[in-house]
Amino acid sequence: MECRAGCGACCIAPSINTAMPDMPHGKAAGVRCLHLDENNLCQLFGQQARPRFCKEFSAQEYVCGTSKDEALQLIAWLEVQTN
């Protein structure tokens, strides 16, 4: 599965517990990453500063569902289940 253009759910729903530029403590679940632009594209994509968590994420139907709203719900549910 390829990422859904303009979704950005993976940059909003999960927590990121490692430092990244301008976010030295990472980000809390449900908080929009500062590096997500107005088109919901990651400004750190392909850069060394991109967190490992983000580099290892891959779009999968069980995580992304069929829409941005469903992806936000699924990732939020997974966040709760794995913490």
PDB file of N, CA and C in Angstrom:
ATOM      1  N   MET A   1       0.853  -1.181   0.000  1.00  0.00           N
ATOM      2  CA  MET A   1       0.000   0.000   0.000  1.00  0.00           C
ATOM      3  C   MET A   1       0.891   1.233   0.000  1.00  0.00           C
ATOM      4  N   GLU A   2       0.515   2.234  -0.770  1.00  0.00           N
ATOM      5  CA  GLU A   2       1.242   3.503  -0.759  1.00  0.00           C
ATOM      6  C   GLU A   2       0.503   4.505   0.124  1.00  0.00           C
ATOM      7  N   CYS A   3       1.251   5.450   0.659  1.00  0.00           N
ATOM      8  CA  CYS A   3       0.628   6.483   1.482  1.00  0.00           C
ATOM      9  C   CYS A   3      -0.438   7.221   0.690  1.00  0.00           C
ATOM     10  N   ARG A   4      -1.488   7.591   1.400  1.00  0.00           N
ATOM     11  CA  ARG A   4      -2.570   8.372   0.805  1.00  0.00           C
ATOM     12  C   ARG A   4      -2.119   9.830   0.762  1.00  0.00           C
ATOM     13  N   ALA A   5      -2.058  10.402  -0.407  1.00  0.00           N
ATOM     14  CA  ALA A   5      -1.596  11.793  -0.564  1.00  0.00           C
ATOM     15  C   ALA A   5      -2.416  12.738   0.302  1.00  0.00           C
ATOM     16  N   GLY A   6      -1.729  13.576   1.047  1.00  0.00           N
ATOM     17  CA  GLY A   6      -2.392  14.586   1.864  1.00  0.00           C
ATOM     18  C   GLY A   6      -3.014  14.067   3.139  1.00  0.00           C
ATOM     19  N   CYS A   7      -2.719  12.842   3.527  1.00  0.00           N
ATOM     20  CA  CYS A   7      -3.332  12.264   4.732  1.00  0.00           C
ATOM     21  C   CYS A   7      -2.687  12.834   6.003  1.00  0.00           C
ATOM     22  N   GLY A   8      -1.437  12.483   6.248  1.00  0.00           N
ATOM     23  CA  GLY A   8      -0.721  12.991   7.411  1.00  0.00           C
ATOM     24  C   GLY A   8      -1.102  12.373   8.743  1.00  0.00           C
ATOM     25  N   ALA A   9      -1.976  11.377   8.745  1.00  0.00           N
ATOM     26  CA  ALA A   9      -2.411  10.769  10.008  1.00  0.00           C
ATOM     27  C   ALA A   9      -1.241  10.217  10.814  1.00  0.00           C
ATOM     28  N   CYS A  10      -0.243   9.661  10.129  1.00  0.00           N
ATOM     29  CA  CYS A  10       0.907   9.091  10.831  1.00  0.00           C
ATOM     30  C   CYS A  10       1.789  10.173  11.453  1.00  0.00           C
ATOM     31  N   CYS A  11       1.548  11.429  11.120  1.00  0.00           N
ATOM     32  CA  CYS A  11       2.295  12.552  11.695  1.00  0.00           C
ATOM     33  C   CYS A  11       1.469  13.282  12.756  1.00  0.00           C
ATOM     34  N   ILE A  12       0.280  12.767  13.023  1.00  0.00           N
ATOM     35  CA  ILE A  12      -0.610  13.381  14.010  1.00  0.00           C
ATOM     36  C   ILE A  12      -0.937  12.399  15.131  1.00  0.00           C
ATOM     37  N   ALA A  13      -1.443  11.231  14.789  1.00  0.00           N
ATOM     38  CA  ALA A  13      -2.001  10.302  15.777  1.00  0.00           C
ATOM     39  C   ALA A  13      -0.985   9.679  16.732  1.00  0.00           C
ATOM     40  N   PRO A  14       0.170   9.203  16.269  1.00  0.00           N
ATOM     41  CA  PRO A  14       1.057   8.514  17.217  1.00  0.00           C
ATOM     42  C   PRO A  14       1.927   9.470  18.023  1.00  0.00           C
ATOM     43  N   SER A  15       2.365   8.968  19.167  1.00  0.00           N
ATOM     44  CA  SER A  15       3.386   9.708  19.912  1.00  0.00           C
ATOM     45  C   SER A  15       4.746   9.380  19.298  1.00  0.00           C
ATOM     46  N   ILE A  16       5.656  10.321  19.407  1.00  0.00           N
ATOM     47  CA  ILE A  16       7.039  10.100  18.979  1.00  0.00           C
ATOM     48  C   ILE A  16       7.894  10.475  20.184  1.00  0.00           C
ATOM     49  N   ASN A  17       8.624   9.513  20.690  1.00  0.00           N
ATOM     50  CA  ASN A  17       9.343   9.695  21.952  1.00  0.00           C
ATOM     51  C   ASN A  17      10.804  10.047  21.798  1.00  0.00           C
ATOM     52  N   THR A  18      11.209  10.400  20.591  1.00  0.00           N
ATOM     53  CA  THR A  18      12.603  10.787  20.374  1.00  0.00           C
ATOM     54  C   THR A  18      12.662  12.222  19.874  1.00  0.00           C
ATOM     55  N   ALA A  19      13.802  12.837  20.098  1.00  0.00           N
ATOM     56  CA  ALA A  19      13.994  14.223  19.674  1.00  0.00           C
ATOM     57  C   ALA A  19      14.033  14.335  18.160  1.00  0.00           C
ATOM     58  N   MET A  20      13.585  15.489  17.690  1.00  0.00           N
ATOM     59  CA  MET A  20      13.697  15.840  16.279  1.00  0.00           C
ATOM     60  C   MET A  20      13.854  17.352  16.214  1.00  0.00           C
ATOM     61  N   PRO A  21      14.233  17.911  15.084  1.00  0.00           N
ATOM     62  CA  PRO A  21      14.415  19.359  15.013  1.00  0.00           C
ATOM     63  C   PRO A  21      13.177  20.121  15.518  1.00  0.00           C
ATOM     64  N   ASP A  22      13.421  21.089  16.364  1.00  0.00           N
ATOM     65  CA  ASP A  22      12.384  21.957  16.941  1.00  0.00           C
ATOM     66  C   ASP A  22      11.410  21.229  17.856  1.00  0.00           C
ATOM     67  N   MET A  23      11.625  19.958  18.109  1.00  0.00           N
ATOM     68  CA  MET A  23      10.782  19.173  19.017  1.00  0.00           C
ATOM     69  C   MET A  23      11.707  18.263  19.831  1.00  0.00           C
ATOM     70  N   PRO A  24      12.465  18.844  20.769  1.00  0.00           N
ATOM     71  CA  PRO A  24      13.482  18.078  21.484  1.00  0.00           C
ATOM     72  C   PRO A  24      12.940  16.933  22.343  1.00  0.00           C
ATOM     73  N   HIS A  25      11.660  16.974  22.672  1.00  0.00           N
ATOM     74  CA  HIS A  25      11.056  15.918  23.484  1.00  0.00           C
ATOM     75  C   HIS A  25      10.111  15.054  22.668  1.00  0.00           C
ATOM     76  N   GLY A  26      10.181  15.156  21.363  1.00  0.00           N
ATOM     77  CA  GLY A  26       9.258  14.415  20.513  1.00  0.00           C
ATOM     78  C   GLY A  26       7.889  15.075  20.506  1.00  0.00           C
ATOM     79  N   LYS A  27       6.836  14.271  20.362  1.00  0.00           N
ATOM     80  CA  LYS A  27       5.481  14.829  20.359  1.00  0.00           C
ATOM     81  C   LYS A  27       4.519  13.841  20.985  1.00  0.00           C
ATOM     82  N   ALA A  28       3.480  14.370  21.551  1.00  0.00           N
ATOM     83  CA  ALA A  28       2.442  13.542  22.165  1.00  0.00           C
ATOM     84  C   ALA A  28       1.486  13.013  21.099  1.00  0.00           C
ATOM     85  N   ALA A  29       0.839  11.920  21.415  1.00  0.00           N
ATOM     86  CA  ALA A  29      -0.176  11.356  20.521  1.00  0.00           C
ATOM     87  C   ALA A  29      -1.283  12.385  20.296  1.00  0.00           C
ATOM     88  N   GLY A  30      -1.733  12.490  19.067  1.00  0.00           N
ATOM     89  CA  GLY A  30      -2.814  13.411  18.734  1.00  0.00           C
ATOM     90  C   GLY A  30      -2.366  14.832  18.446  1.00  0.00           C
ATOM     91  N   VAL A  31      -1.076  15.096  18.584  1.00  0.00           N
ATOM     92  CA  VAL A  31      -0.524  16.424  18.335  1.00  0.00           C
ATOM     93  C   VAL A  31       0.093  16.438  16.934  1.00  0.00           C
ATOM     94  N   ARG A  32      -0.264  17.436  16.164  1.00  0.00           N
ATOM     95  CA  ARG A  32       0.275  17.572  14.809  1.00  0.00           C
ATOM     96  C   ARG A  32       1.777  17.870  14.882  1.00  0.00           C
ATOM     97  N   CYS A  33       2.575  17.109  14.161  1.00  0.00           N
ATOM     98  CA  CYS A  33       4.011  17.341  14.119  1.00  0.00           C
ATOM     99  C   CYS A  33       4.291  18.706  13.479  1.00  0.00           C
ATOM    100  N   LEU A  34       5.262  19.420  14.021  1.00  0.00           N
ATOM    101  CA  LEU A  34       5.638  20.729  13.480  1.00  0.00           C
ATOM    102  C   LEU A  34       6.181  20.636  12.058  1.00  0.00           C
ATOM    103  N   HIS A  35       6.611  19.449  11.656  1.00  0.00           N
ATOM    104  CA  HIS A  35       7.226  19.265  10.341  1.00  0.00           C
ATOM    105  C   HIS A  35       6.236  18.804   9.274  1.00  0.00           C
ATOM    106  N   LEU A  36       4.969  18.784   9.619  1.00  0.00           N
ATOM    107  CA  LEU A  36       3.927  18.447   8.663  1.00  0.00           C
ATOM    108  C   LEU A  36       3.467  19.754   8.017  1.00  0.00           C
ATOM    109  N   ASP A  37       3.644  19.863   6.706  1.00  0.00           N
ATOM    110  CA  ASP A  37       3.322  21.131   6.044  1.00  0.00           C
ATOM    111  C   ASP A  37       1.829  21.277   5.753  1.00  0.00           C
ATOM    112  N   GLU A  38       1.452  22.368   5.107  1.00  0.00           N
ATOM    113  CA  GLU A  38       0.037  22.667   4.840  1.00  0.00           C
ATOM    114  C   GLU A  38      -0.614  21.653   3.903  1.00  0.00           C
ATOM    115  N   ASN A  39       0.184  20.882   3.190  1.00  0.00           N
ATOM    116  CA  ASN A  39      -0.338  19.823   2.316  1.00  0.00           C
ATOM    117  C   ASN A  39      -0.258  18.450   2.984  1.00  0.00           C
ATOM    118  N   ASN A  40       0.009  18.450   4.282  1.00  0.00           N
ATOM    119  CA  ASN A  40       0.164  17.219   5.071  1.00  0.00           C
ATOM    120  C   ASN A  40       1.290  16.329   4.551  1.00  0.00           C
ATOM    121  N   LEU A  41       2.384  16.957   4.173  1.00  0.00           N
ATOM    122  CA  LEU A  41       3.581  16.244   3.744  1.00  0.00           C
ATOM    123  C   LEU A  41       4.689  16.510   4.756  1.00  0.00           C
ATOM    124  N   CYS A  42       5.489  15.483   5.038  1.00  0.00           N
ATOM    125  CA  CYS A  42       6.569  15.599   6.009  1.00  0.00           C
ATOM    126  C   CYS A  42       7.738  16.380   5.419  1.00  0.00           C
ATOM    127  N   GLN A  43       8.115  17.453   6.091  1.00  0.00           N
ATOM    128  CA  GLN A  43       9.252  18.251   5.645  1.00  0.00           C
ATOM    129  C   GLN A  43      10.589  17.599   5.985  1.00  0.00           C
ATOM    130  N   LEU A  44      10.569  16.553   6.822  1.00  0.00           N
ATOM    131  CA  LEU A  44      11.798  15.842   7.166  1.00  0.00           C
ATOM    132  C   LEU A  44      11.995  14.583   6.325  1.00  0.00           C
ATOM    133  N   PHE A  45      11.035  14.266   5.475  1.00  0.00           N
ATOM    134  CA  PHE A  45      11.109  13.035   4.679  1.00  0.00           C
ATOM    135  C   PHE A  45      12.417  12.996   3.893  1.00  0.00           C
ATOM    136  N   GLY A  46      13.125  11.882   4.010  1.00  0.00           N
ATOM    137  CA  GLY A  46      14.384  11.706   3.297  1.00  0.00           C
ATOM    138  C   GLY A  46      15.583  12.350   3.958  1.00  0.00           C
ATOM    139  N   GLN A  47      15.391  13.035   5.076  1.00  0.00           N
ATOM    140  CA  GLN A  47      16.495  13.704   5.761  1.00  0.00           C
ATOM    141  C   GLN A  47      16.993  12.856   6.929  1.00  0.00           C
ATOM    142  N   GLN A  48      18.242  13.039   7.265  1.00  0.00           N
ATOM    143  CA  GLN A  48      18.856  12.322   8.381  1.00  0.00           C
ATOM    144  C   GLN A  48      18.140  12.623   9.701  1.00  0.00           C
ATOM    145  N   ALA A  49      17.613  13.818   9.868  1.00  0.00           N
ATOM    146  CA  ALA A  49      16.978  14.234  11.116  1.00  0.00           C
ATOM    147  C   ALA A  49      15.610  13.590  11.341  1.00  0.00           C
ATOM    148  N   ARG A  50      15.081  12.911  10.348  1.00  0.00           N
ATOM    149  CA  ARG A  50      13.773  12.260  10.498  1.00  0.00           C
ATOM    150  C   ARG A  50      13.884  11.157  11.550  1.00  0.00           C
ATOM    151  N   PRO A  51      12.965  11.132  12.526  1.00  0.00           N
ATOM    152  CA  PRO A  51      13.041  10.129  13.592  1.00  0.00           C
ATOM    153  C   PRO A  51      12.952   8.696  13.054  1.00  0.00           C
ATOM    154  N   ARG A  52      13.618   7.799  13.749  1.00  0.00           N
ATOM    155  CA  ARG A  52      13.611   6.380  13.370  1.00  0.00           C
ATOM    156  C   ARG A  52      12.184   5.839  13.278  1.00  0.00           C
ATOM    157  N   PHE A  53      11.347   6.216  14.242  1.00  0.00           N
ATOM    158  CA  PHE A  53       9.946   5.785  14.236  1.00  0.00           C
ATOM    159  C   PHE A  53       9.297   6.098  12.890  1.00  0.00           C
ATOM    160  N   CYS A  54       9.534   7.288  12.400  1.00  0.00           N
ATOM    161  CA  CYS A  54       8.937   7.723  11.132  1.00  0.00           C
ATOM    162  C   CYS A  54       9.543   6.978   9.947  1.00  0.00           C
ATOM    163  N   LYS A  55      10.856   6.783   9.985  1.00  0.00           N
ATOM    164  CA  LYS A  55      11.533   6.067   8.899  1.00  0.00           C
ATOM    165  C   LYS A  55      11.025   4.641   8.777  1.00  0.00           C
ATOM    166  N   GLU A  56      10.680   4.034   9.899  1.00  0.00           N
ATOM    167  CA  GLU A  56      10.260   2.632   9.899  1.00  0.00           C
ATOM    168  C   GLU A  56       8.771   2.439   9.645  1.00  0.00           C
ATOM    169  N   PHE A  57       8.002   3.502   9.711  1.00  0.00           N
ATOM    170  CA  PHE A  57       6.558   3.381   9.465  1.00  0.00           C
ATOM    171  C   PHE A  57       6.311   3.089   7.989  1.00  0.00           C
ATOM    172  N   SER A  58       5.418   2.158   7.738  1.00  0.00           N
ATOM    173  CA  SER A  58       5.011   1.912   6.352  1.00  0.00           C
ATOM    174  C   SER A  58       3.499   1.813   6.302  1.00  0.00           C
ATOM    175  N   ALA A  59       2.940   2.381   5.280  1.00  0.00           N
ATOM    176  CA  ALA A  59       1.489   2.371   5.112  1.00  0.00           C
ATOM    177  C   ALA A  59       1.000   0.938   4.941  1.00  0.00           C
ATOM    178  N   GLN A  60       0.039   0.572   5.748  1.00  0.00           N
ATOM    179  CA  GLN A  60      -0.589  -0.747   5.687  1.00  0.00           C
ATOM    180  C   GLN A  60      -2.093  -0.545   5.870  1.00  0.00           C
ATOM    181  N   GLU A  61      -2.895  -1.364   5.234  1.00  0.00           N
ATOM    182  CA  GLU A  61      -4.342  -1.198   5.323  1.00  0.00           C
ATOM    183  C   GLU A  61      -4.844  -1.270   6.765  1.00  0.00           C
ATOM    184  N   TYR A  62      -4.268  -2.157   7.581  1.00  0.00           N
ATOM    185  CA  TYR A  62      -4.742  -2.289   8.966  1.00  0.00           C
ATOM    186  C   TYR A  62      -4.439  -1.046   9.805  1.00  0.00           C
ATOM    187  N   VAL A  63      -3.514  -0.213   9.339  1.00  0.00           N
ATOM    188  CA  VAL A  63      -3.165   1.027  10.039  1.00  0.00           C
ATOM    189  C   VAL A  63      -3.831   2.233   9.384  1.00  0.00           C
ATOM    190  N   CYS A  64      -3.884   2.236   8.072  1.00  0.00           N
ATOM    191  CA  CYS A  64      -4.342   3.406   7.325  1.00  0.00           C
ATOM    192  C   CYS A  64      -5.826   3.364   6.947  1.00  0.00           C
ATOM    193  N   GLY A  65      -6.416   2.189   6.968  1.00  0.00           N
ATOM    194  CA  GLY A  65      -7.832   2.086   6.622  1.00  0.00           C
ATOM    195  C   GLY A  65      -8.116   2.585   5.217  1.00  0.00           C
ATOM    196  N   THR A  66      -9.285   3.165   5.051  1.00  0.00           N
ATOM    197  CA  THR A  66      -9.709   3.617   3.725  1.00  0.00           C
ATOM    198  C   THR A  66      -9.824   5.128   3.604  1.00  0.00           C
ATOM    199  N   SER A  67      -9.495   5.861   4.682  1.00  0.00           N
ATOM    200  CA  SER A  67      -9.581   7.320   4.648  1.00  0.00           C
ATOM    201  C   SER A  67      -8.670   7.913   5.724  1.00  0.00           C
ATOM    202  N   LYS A  68      -8.458   9.206   5.645  1.00  0.00           N
ATOM    203  CA  LYS A  68      -7.655   9.891   6.663  1.00  0.00           C
ATOM    204  C   LYS A  68      -8.304   9.746   8.037  1.00  0.00           C
ATOM    205  N   ASP A  69      -9.619   9.936   8.098  1.00  0.00           N
ATOM    206  CA  ASP A  69     -10.318   9.834   9.385  1.00  0.00           C
ATOM    207  C   ASP A  69     -10.175   8.438   9.987  1.00  0.00           C
ATOM    208  N   GLU A  70     -10.296   7.424   9.141  1.00  0.00           N
ATOM    209  CA  GLU A  70     -10.135   6.056   9.636  1.00  0.00           C
ATOM    210  C   GLU A  70      -8.701   5.815  10.086  1.00  0.00           C
ATOM    211  N   ALA A  71      -7.736   6.343   9.357  1.00  0.00           N
ATOM    212  CA  ALA A  71      -6.326   6.201   9.740  1.00  0.00           C
ATOM    213  C   ALA A  71      -6.075   6.848  11.102  1.00  0.00           C
ATOM    214  N   LEU A  72      -6.619   8.026  11.321  1.00  0.00           N
ATOM    215  CA  LEU A  72      -6.461   8.693  12.619  1.00  0.00           C
ATOM    216  C   LEU A  72      -7.024   7.830  13.743  1.00  0.00           C
ATOM    217  N   GLN A  73      -8.183   7.233  13.522  1.00  0.00           N
ATOM    218  CA  GLN A  73      -8.808   6.377  14.533  1.00  0.00           C
ATOM    219  C   GLN A  73      -7.988   5.108  14.773  1.00  0.00           C
ATOM    220  N   LEU A  74      -7.560   4.464  13.698  1.00  0.00           N
ATOM    221  CA  LEU A  74      -6.796   3.220  13.830  1.00  0.00           C
ATOM    222  C   LEU A  74      -5.460   3.443  14.518  1.00  0.00           C
ATOM    223  N   ILE A  75      -4.759   4.491  14.119  1.00  0.00           N
ATOM    224  CA  ILE A  75      -3.450   4.764  14.728  1.00  0.00           C
ATOM    225  C   ILE A  75      -3.620   5.165  16.194  1.00  0.00           C
ATOM    226  N   ALA A  76      -4.652   5.929  16.511  1.00  0.00           N
ATOM    227  CA  ALA A  76      -4.919   6.297  17.906  1.00  0.00           C
ATOM    228  C   ALA A  76      -5.219   5.043  18.732  1.00  0.00           C
ATOM    229  N   TRP A  77      -5.980   4.120  18.181  1.00  0.00           N
ATOM    230  CA  TRP A  77      -6.288   2.872  18.877  1.00  0.00           C
ATOM    231  C   TRP A  77      -5.002   2.071  19.106  1.00  0.00           C
ATOM    232  N   LEU A  78      -4.173   1.956  18.082  1.00  0.00           N
ATOM    233  CA  LEU A  78      -2.903   1.235  18.221  1.00  0.00           C
ATOM    234  C   LEU A  78      -2.006   1.893  19.254  1.00  0.00           C
ATOM    235  N   GLU A  79      -2.022   3.204  19.301  1.00  0.00           N
ATOM    236  CA  GLU A  79      -1.219   3.952  20.291  1.00  0.00           C
ATOM    237  C   GLU A  79      -1.623   3.536  21.710  1.00  0.00           C
ATOM    238  N   VAL A  80      -2.907   3.478  21.961  1.00  0.00           N
ATOM    239  CA  VAL A  80      -3.400   3.094  23.290  1.00  0.00           C
ATOM    240  C   VAL A  80      -3.053   1.641  23.598  1.00  0.00           C
ATOM    241  N   GLN A  81      -3.194   0.767  22.627  1.00  0.00           N
ATOM    242  CA  GLN A  81      -2.962  -0.658  22.827  1.00  0.00           C
ATOM    243  C   GLN A  81      -1.494  -1.000  23.068  1.00  0.00           C
ATOM    244  N   THR A  82      -0.601  -0.176  22.552  1.00  0.00           N
ATOM    245  CA  THR A  82       0.830  -0.496  22.653  1.00  0.00           C
ATOM    246  C   THR A  82       1.560   0.296  23.729  1.00  0.00           C
ATOM    247  N   ASN A  83       0.850   1.096  24.462  1.00  0.00           N
ATOM    248  CA  ASN A  83       1.499   1.855  25.553  1.00  0.00           C
ATOM    249  C   ASN A  83       1.001   1.411  26.897  1.00  0.00           C
TER     250      ASN A  83
END
